[in-house]
Amino acid sequence: ADEKTFLETTVKNLQFKDAILVNTNAQNK
């Protein structure tokens, strides 16, 4: 169960690069 939870948490925390760029641009404004 802990291993499955570890994978689920990793999926939830996965970042997509386009989203990261959007957040960076928002902070720079």
PDB file of all heavy atoms in Angstrom:
ATOM      1  N   ALA A   1       0.829  -1.201   0.000  1.00  0.00           N
ATOM      2  CA  ALA A   1       0.000   0.000   0.000  1.00  0.00           C
ATOM      3  C   ALA A   1       0.867   1.256   0.000  1.00  0.00           C
ATOM      4  O   ALA A   1       0.547   2.248  -0.668  1.00  0.00           O
ATOM      5  CB  ALA A   1      -0.928  -0.009   1.217  1.00  0.00           C
ATOM      6  N   ASP A   2       1.991   1.230   0.727  1.00  0.00           N
ATOM      7  CA  ASP A   2       2.887   2.382   0.774  1.00  0.00           C
ATOM      8  C   ASP A   2       3.509   2.659  -0.593  1.00  0.00           C
ATOM      9  O   ASP A   2       3.680   3.828  -0.983  1.00  0.00           O
ATOM     10  CB  ASP A   2       3.995   2.163   1.803  1.00  0.00           C
ATOM     11  CG  ASP A   2       3.484   2.295   3.235  1.00  0.00           C
ATOM     12  OD1 ASP A   2       2.385   2.836   3.419  1.00  0.00           O
ATOM     13  OD2 ASP A   2       4.189   1.838   4.156  1.00  0.00           O
ATOM     14  N   GLU A   3       3.857   1.617  -1.317  1.00  0.00           N
ATOM     15  CA  GLU A   3       4.450   1.791  -2.649  1.00  0.00           C
ATOM     16  C   GLU A   3       3.437   2.383  -3.620  1.00  0.00           C
ATOM     17  O   GLU A   3       3.773   3.251  -4.431  1.00  0.00           O
ATOM     18  CB  GLU A   3       4.986   0.445  -3.152  1.00  0.00           C
ATOM     19  CG  GLU A   3       6.226  -0.017  -2.400  1.00  0.00           C
ATOM     20  CD  GLU A   3       6.581  -1.465  -2.668  1.00  0.00           C
ATOM     21  OE1 GLU A   3       5.715  -2.234  -3.144  1.00  0.00           O
ATOM     22  OE2 GLU A   3       7.732  -1.845  -2.400  1.00  0.00           O
ATOM     23  N   LYS A   4       2.201   1.937  -3.534  1.00  0.00           N
ATOM     24  CA  LYS A   4       1.152   2.478  -4.396  1.00  0.00           C
ATOM     25  C   LYS A   4       0.881   3.949  -4.060  1.00  0.00           C
ATOM     26  O   LYS A   4       0.668   4.771  -4.953  1.00  0.00           O
ATOM     27  CB  LYS A   4      -0.127   1.658  -4.248  1.00  0.00           C
ATOM     28  CG  LYS A   4      -0.010   0.232  -4.790  1.00  0.00           C
ATOM     29  CD  LYS A   4      -1.293  -0.547  -4.571  1.00  0.00           C
ATOM     30  CE  LYS A   4      -1.174  -1.973  -5.101  1.00  0.00           C
ATOM     31  NZ  LYS A   4      -2.429  -2.753  -4.873  1.00  0.00           N
ATOM     32  N   THR A   5       0.928   4.269  -2.771  1.00  0.00           N
ATOM     33  CA  THR A   5       0.739   5.654  -2.349  1.00  0.00           C
ATOM     34  C   THR A   5       1.884   6.531  -2.830  1.00  0.00           C
ATOM     35  O   THR A   5       1.678   7.688  -3.233  1.00  0.00           O
ATOM     36  CB  THR A   5       0.631   5.734  -0.816  1.00  0.00           C
ATOM     37  OG1 THR A   5      -0.503   4.962  -0.383  1.00  0.00           O
ATOM     38  CG2 THR A   5       0.462   7.178  -0.347  1.00  0.00           C
ATOM     39  N   PHE A   6       3.104   5.995  -2.793  1.00  0.00           N
ATOM     40  CA  PHE A   6       4.275   6.720  -3.278  1.00  0.00           C
ATOM     41  C   PHE A   6       4.115   7.078  -4.754  1.00  0.00           C
ATOM     42  O   PHE A   6       4.367   8.219  -5.168  1.00  0.00           O
ATOM     43  CB  PHE A   6       5.525   5.872  -3.066  1.00  0.00           C
ATOM     44  CG  PHE A   6       6.766   6.404  -3.722  1.00  0.00           C
ATOM     45  CD1 PHE A   6       7.157   7.727  -3.580  1.00  0.00           C
ATOM     46  CD2 PHE A   6       7.570   5.573  -4.501  1.00  0.00           C
ATOM     47  CE1 PHE A   6       8.301   8.217  -4.175  1.00  0.00           C
ATOM     48  CE2 PHE A   6       8.712   6.047  -5.099  1.00  0.00           C
ATOM     49  CZ  PHE A   6       9.077   7.372  -4.948  1.00  0.00           C
ATOM     50  N   LEU A   7       3.657   6.132  -5.557  1.00  0.00           N
ATOM     51  CA  LEU A   7       3.439   6.392  -6.984  1.00  0.00           C
ATOM     52  C   LEU A   7       2.334   7.431  -7.171  1.00  0.00           C
ATOM     53  O   LEU A   7       2.482   8.371  -7.967  1.00  0.00           O
ATOM     54  CB  LEU A   7       3.068   5.100  -7.711  1.00  0.00           C
ATOM     55  CG  LEU A   7       2.737   5.252  -9.198  1.00  0.00           C
ATOM     56  CD1 LEU A   7       3.940   5.766  -9.975  1.00  0.00           C
ATOM     57  CD2 LEU A   7       2.248   3.931  -9.785  1.00  0.00           C
ATOM     58  N   GLU A   8       1.246   7.288  -6.436  1.00  0.00           N
ATOM     59  CA  GLU A   8       0.134   8.233  -6.559  1.00  0.00           C
ATOM     60  C   GLU A   8       0.577   9.650  -6.202  1.00  0.00           C
ATOM     61  O   GLU A   8       0.225  10.616  -6.892  1.00  0.00           O
ATOM     62  CB  GLU A   8      -1.011   7.795  -5.644  1.00  0.00           C
ATOM     63  CG  GLU A   8      -2.220   8.721  -5.699  1.00  0.00           C
ATOM     64  CD  GLU A   8      -3.350   8.256  -4.804  1.00  0.00           C
ATOM     65  OE1 GLU A   8      -3.466   7.036  -4.572  1.00  0.00           O
ATOM     66  OE2 GLU A   8      -4.127   9.113  -4.337  1.00  0.00           O
ATOM     67  N   THR A   9       1.361   9.777  -5.141  1.00  0.00           N
ATOM     68  CA  THR A   9       1.862  11.088  -4.743  1.00  0.00           C
ATOM     69  C   THR A   9       2.769  11.679  -5.807  1.00  0.00           C
ATOM     70  O   THR A   9       2.717  12.889  -6.100  1.00  0.00           O
ATOM     71  CB  THR A   9       2.635  10.974  -3.408  1.00  0.00           C
ATOM     72  OG1 THR A   9       1.762  10.452  -2.404  1.00  0.00           O
ATOM     73  CG2 THR A   9       3.161  12.341  -2.968  1.00  0.00           C
ATOM     74  N   THR A  10       3.596  10.850  -6.414  1.00  0.00           N
ATOM     75  CA  THR A  10       4.499  11.304  -7.474  1.00  0.00           C
ATOM     76  C   THR A  10       3.702  11.814  -8.671  1.00  0.00           C
ATOM     77  O   THR A  10       4.054  12.830  -9.277  1.00  0.00           O
ATOM     78  CB  THR A  10       5.440  10.173  -7.909  1.00  0.00           C
ATOM     79  OG1 THR A  10       6.148   9.674  -6.766  1.00  0.00           O
ATOM     80  CG2 THR A  10       6.447  10.663  -8.935  1.00  0.00           C
ATOM     81  N   VAL A  11       2.626  11.122  -9.000  1.00  0.00           N
ATOM     82  CA  VAL A  11       1.771  11.546 -10.119  1.00  0.00           C
ATOM     83  C   VAL A  11       1.107  12.886  -9.798  1.00  0.00           C
ATOM     84  O   VAL A  11       1.056  13.791 -10.636  1.00  0.00           O
ATOM     85  CB  VAL A  11       0.701  10.472 -10.420  1.00  0.00           C
ATOM     86  CG1 VAL A  11      -0.282  10.976 -11.477  1.00  0.00           C
ATOM     87  CG2 VAL A  11       1.354   9.188 -10.896  1.00  0.00           C
ATOM     88  N   LYS A  12       0.611  13.030  -8.576  1.00  0.00           N
ATOM     89  CA  LYS A  12      -0.050  14.276  -8.180  1.00  0.00           C
ATOM     90  C   LYS A  12       0.906  15.465  -8.224  1.00  0.00           C
ATOM     91  O   LYS A  12       0.496  16.597  -8.510  1.00  0.00           O
ATOM     92  CB  LYS A  12      -0.627  14.136  -6.772  1.00  0.00           C
ATOM     93  CG  LYS A  12      -1.848  13.235  -6.672  1.00  0.00           C
ATOM     94  CD  LYS A  12      -2.332  13.159  -5.242  1.00  0.00           C
ATOM     95  CE  LYS A  12      -3.586  12.302  -5.121  1.00  0.00           C
ATOM     96  NZ  LYS A  12      -4.046  12.176  -3.713  1.00  0.00           N
ATOM     97  N   ASN A  13       2.184  15.207  -7.930  1.00  0.00           N
ATOM     98  CA  ASN A  13       3.179  16.283  -7.872  1.00  0.00           C
ATOM     99  C   ASN A  13       3.909  16.508  -9.192  1.00  0.00           C
ATOM    100  O   ASN A  13       4.756  17.403  -9.281  1.00  0.00           O
ATOM    101  CB  ASN A  13       4.201  15.992  -6.778  1.00  0.00           C
ATOM    102  CG  ASN A  13       3.592  16.040  -5.384  1.00  0.00           C
ATOM    103  OD1 ASN A  13       2.583  16.697  -5.164  1.00  0.00           O
ATOM    104  ND2 ASN A  13       4.195  15.331  -4.444  1.00  0.00           N
ATOM    105  N   LEU A  14       3.610  15.694 -10.206  1.00  0.00           N
ATOM    106  CA  LEU A  14       4.263  15.854 -11.505  1.00  0.00           C
ATOM    107  C   LEU A  14       3.959  17.237 -12.071  1.00  0.00           C
ATOM    108  O   LEU A  14       2.824  17.706 -12.023  1.00  0.00           O
ATOM    109  CB  LEU A  14       3.775  14.780 -12.473  1.00  0.00           C
ATOM    110  CG  LEU A  14       4.475  14.753 -13.837  1.00  0.00           C
ATOM    111  CD1 LEU A  14       5.861  14.120 -13.708  1.00  0.00           C
ATOM    112  CD2 LEU A  14       3.644  13.972 -14.852  1.00  0.00           C
ATOM    113  N   GLN A  15       4.989  17.891 -12.599  1.00  0.00           N
ATOM    114  CA  GLN A  15       4.813  19.215 -13.188  1.00  0.00           C
ATOM    115  C   GLN A  15       5.031  19.146 -14.697  1.00  0.00           C
ATOM    116  O   GLN A  15       5.933  18.452 -15.166  1.00  0.00           O
ATOM    117  CB  GLN A  15       5.818  20.199 -12.596  1.00  0.00           C
ATOM    118  CG  GLN A  15       5.700  20.378 -11.092  1.00  0.00           C
ATOM    119  CD  GLN A  15       6.738  21.349 -10.574  1.00  0.00           C
ATOM    120  OE1 GLN A  15       6.670  22.544 -10.828  1.00  0.00           O
ATOM    121  NE2 GLN A  15       7.729  20.839  -9.854  1.00  0.00           N
ATOM    122  N   PHE A  16       4.191  19.864 -15.414  1.00  0.00           N
ATOM    123  CA  PHE A  16       4.333  19.960 -16.860  1.00  0.00           C
ATOM    124  C   PHE A  16       5.045  21.259 -17.183  1.00  0.00           C
ATOM    125  O   PHE A  16       4.744  22.307 -16.602  1.00  0.00           O
ATOM    126  CB  PHE A  16       2.969  19.905 -17.541  1.00  0.00           C
ATOM    127  CG  PHE A  16       2.216  18.638 -17.243  1.00  0.00           C
ATOM    128  CD1 PHE A  16       1.211  18.623 -16.287  1.00  0.00           C
ATOM    129  CD2 PHE A  16       2.527  17.459 -17.892  1.00  0.00           C
ATOM    130  CE1 PHE A  16       0.523  17.463 -15.993  1.00  0.00           C
ATOM    131  CE2 PHE A  16       1.841  16.282 -17.615  1.00  0.00           C
ATOM    132  CZ  PHE A  16       0.835  16.289 -16.661  1.00  0.00           C
ATOM    133  N   LYS A  17       5.982  21.225 -18.113  1.00  0.00           N
ATOM    134  CA  LYS A  17       6.850  22.376 -18.356  1.00  0.00           C
ATOM    135  C   LYS A  17       6.098  23.608 -18.814  1.00  0.00           C
ATOM    136  O   LYS A  17       6.460  24.721 -18.475  1.00  0.00           O
ATOM    137  CB  LYS A  17       7.940  22.000 -19.368  1.00  0.00           C
ATOM    138  CG  LYS A  17       8.966  21.027 -18.825  1.00  0.00           C
ATOM    139  CD  LYS A  17      10.129  20.842 -19.759  1.00  0.00           C
ATOM    140  CE  LYS A  17      10.985  22.086 -19.862  1.00  0.00           C
ATOM    141  NZ  LYS A  17      12.166  21.879 -20.705  1.00  0.00           N
ATOM    142  N   ASP A  18       5.011  23.437 -19.575  1.00  0.00           N
ATOM    143  CA  ASP A  18       4.267  24.611 -20.019  1.00  0.00           C
ATOM    144  C   ASP A  18       3.602  25.306 -18.836  1.00  0.00           C
ATOM    145  O   ASP A  18       3.536  26.530 -18.771  1.00  0.00           O
ATOM    146  CB  ASP A  18       3.231  24.244 -21.081  1.00  0.00           C
ATOM    147  CG  ASP A  18       2.239  23.203 -20.601  1.00  0.00           C
ATOM    148  OD1 ASP A  18       2.468  22.587 -19.543  1.00  0.00           O
ATOM    149  OD2 ASP A  18       1.222  22.995 -21.291  1.00  0.00           O
ATOM    150  N   ALA A  19       3.153  24.512 -17.840  1.00  0.00           N
ATOM    151  CA  ALA A  19       2.556  25.098 -16.635  1.00  0.00           C
ATOM    152  C   ALA A  19       3.602  25.853 -15.834  1.00  0.00           C
ATOM    153  O   ALA A  19       3.335  26.905 -15.255  1.00  0.00           O
ATOM    154  CB  ALA A  19       1.918  24.015 -15.775  1.00  0.00           C
ATOM    155  N   ILE A  20       4.813  25.327 -15.801  1.00  0.00           N
ATOM    156  CA  ILE A  20       5.902  25.979 -15.071  1.00  0.00           C
ATOM    157  C   ILE A  20       6.239  27.311 -15.720  1.00  0.00           C
ATOM    158  O   ILE A  20       6.444  28.323 -15.049  1.00  0.00           O
ATOM    159  CB  ILE A  20       7.147  25.068 -15.041  1.00  0.00           C
ATOM    160  CG1 ILE A  20       6.833  23.792 -14.252  1.00  0.00           C
ATOM    161  CG2 ILE A  20       8.333  25.786 -14.416  1.00  0.00           C
ATOM    162  CD1 ILE A  20       7.902  22.745 -14.347  1.00  0.00           C
ATOM    163  N   LEU A  21       6.245  27.340 -17.052  1.00  0.00           N
ATOM    164  CA  LEU A  21       6.542  28.579 -17.767  1.00  0.00           C
ATOM    165  C   LEU A  21       5.468  29.624 -17.516  1.00  0.00           C
ATOM    166  O   LEU A  21       5.758  30.800 -17.345  1.00  0.00           O
ATOM    167  CB  LEU A  21       6.666  28.286 -19.273  1.00  0.00           C
ATOM    168  CG  LEU A  21       7.900  27.482 -19.698  1.00  0.00           C
ATOM    169  CD1 LEU A  21       7.806  27.132 -21.175  1.00  0.00           C
ATOM    170  CD2 LEU A  21       9.173  28.271 -19.426  1.00  0.00           C
ATOM    171  N   VAL A  22       4.204  29.195 -17.468  1.00  0.00           N
ATOM    172  CA  VAL A  22       3.107  30.115 -17.208  1.00  0.00           C
ATOM    173  C   VAL A  22       3.256  30.723 -15.821  1.00  0.00           C
ATOM    174  O   VAL A  22       3.115  31.930 -15.627  1.00  0.00           O
ATOM    175  CB  VAL A  22       1.751  29.390 -17.335  1.00  0.00           C
ATOM    176  CG1 VAL A  22       0.644  30.274 -16.780  1.00  0.00           C
ATOM    177  CG2 VAL A  22       1.470  29.045 -18.783  1.00  0.00           C
ATOM    178  N   ASN A  23       3.573  29.885 -14.828  1.00  0.00           N
ATOM    179  CA  ASN A  23       3.745  30.392 -13.467  1.00  0.00           C
ATOM    180  C   ASN A  23       4.917  31.357 -13.375  1.00  0.00           C
ATOM    181  O   ASN A  23       4.850  32.376 -12.695  1.00  0.00           O
ATOM    182  CB  ASN A  23       3.979  29.206 -12.503  1.00  0.00           C
ATOM    183  CG  ASN A  23       2.739  28.379 -12.336  1.00  0.00           C
ATOM    184  OD1 ASN A  23       1.644  28.855 -12.550  1.00  0.00           O
ATOM    185  ND2 ASN A  23       2.898  27.116 -11.959  1.00  0.00           N
ATOM    186  N   THR A  24       5.985  31.068 -14.085  1.00  0.00           N
ATOM    187  CA  THR A  24       7.165  31.944 -14.081  1.00  0.00           C
ATOM    188  C   THR A  24       6.834  33.284 -14.696  1.00  0.00           C
ATOM    189  O   THR A  24       7.198  34.351 -14.180  1.00  0.00           O
ATOM    190  CB  THR A  24       8.325  31.290 -14.851  1.00  0.00           C
ATOM    191  OG1 THR A  24       8.615  30.033 -14.247  1.00  0.00           O
ATOM    192  CG2 THR A  24       9.563  32.170 -14.811  1.00  0.00           C
ATOM    193  N   ASN A  25       6.100  33.268 -15.813  1.00  0.00           N
ATOM    194  CA  ASN A  25       5.733  34.519 -16.467  1.00  0.00           C
ATOM    195  C   ASN A  25       4.817  35.347 -15.579  1.00  0.00           C
ATOM    196  O   ASN A  25       4.913  36.571 -15.525  1.00  0.00           O
ATOM    197  CB  ASN A  25       5.020  34.216 -17.791  1.00  0.00           C
ATOM    198  CG  ASN A  25       5.983  33.626 -18.814  1.00  0.00           C
ATOM    199  OD1 ASN A  25       7.176  33.825 -18.734  1.00  0.00           O
ATOM    200  ND2 ASN A  25       5.432  32.866 -19.758  1.00  0.00           N
ATOM    201  N   ALA A  26       3.913  34.682 -14.856  1.00  0.00           N
ATOM    202  CA  ALA A  26       2.987  35.394 -13.968  1.00  0.00           C
ATOM    203  C   ALA A  26       3.761  36.083 -12.841  1.00  0.00           C
ATOM    204  O   ALA A  26       3.416  37.188 -12.442  1.00  0.00           O
ATOM    205  CB  ALA A  26       1.960  34.421 -13.404  1.00  0.00           C
ATOM    206  N   GLN A  27       4.796  35.416 -12.347  1.00  0.00           N
ATOM    207  CA  GLN A  27       5.579  35.990 -11.269  1.00  0.00           C
ATOM    208  C   GLN A  27       6.416  37.171 -11.746  1.00  0.00           C
ATOM    209  O   GLN A  27       6.713  38.078 -10.983  1.00  0.00           O
ATOM    210  CB  GLN A  27       6.489  34.910 -10.654  1.00  0.00           C
ATOM    211  CG  GLN A  27       5.728  33.824  -9.921  1.00  0.00           C
ATOM    212  CD  GLN A  27       6.626  32.683  -9.520  1.00  0.00           C
ATOM    213  OE1 GLN A  27       7.829  32.711  -9.757  1.00  0.00           O
ATOM    214  NE2 GLN A  27       6.058  31.669  -8.894  1.00  0.00           N
ATOM    215  N   ASN A  28       6.790  37.147 -13.025  1.00  0.00           N
ATOM    216  CA  ASN A  28       7.648  38.202 -13.560  1.00  0.00           C
ATOM    217  C   ASN A  28       6.866  39.476 -13.876  1.00  0.00           C
ATOM    218  O   ASN A  28       7.457  40.518 -14.106  1.00  0.00           O
ATOM    219  CB  ASN A  28       8.366  37.712 -14.826  1.00  0.00           C
ATOM    220  CG  ASN A  28       9.417  36.658 -14.497  1.00  0.00           C
ATOM    221  OD1 ASN A  28       9.901  36.602 -13.362  1.00  0.00           O
ATOM    222  ND2 ASN A  28       9.751  35.835 -15.470  1.00  0.00           N
ATOM    223  N   LYS A  29       5.531  39.378 -13.922  1.00  0.00           N
ATOM    224  CA  LYS A  29       4.723  40.554 -14.280  1.00  0.00           C
ATOM    225  C   LYS A  29       4.577  41.489 -13.078  1.00  0.00           C
ATOM    226  O   LYS A  29       4.547  41.045 -11.952  1.00  0.00           O
ATOM    227  CB  LYS A  29       3.336  40.106 -14.768  1.00  0.00           C
ATOM    228  CG  LYS A  29       3.408  39.437 -16.127  1.00  0.00           C
ATOM    229  CD  LYS A  29       2.015  39.050 -16.605  1.00  0.00           C
ATOM    230  CE  LYS A  29       2.084  38.416 -17.972  1.00  0.00           C
ATOM    231  NZ  LYS A  29       0.738  38.033 -18.453  1.00  0.00           N
TER     232      LYS A  29
END
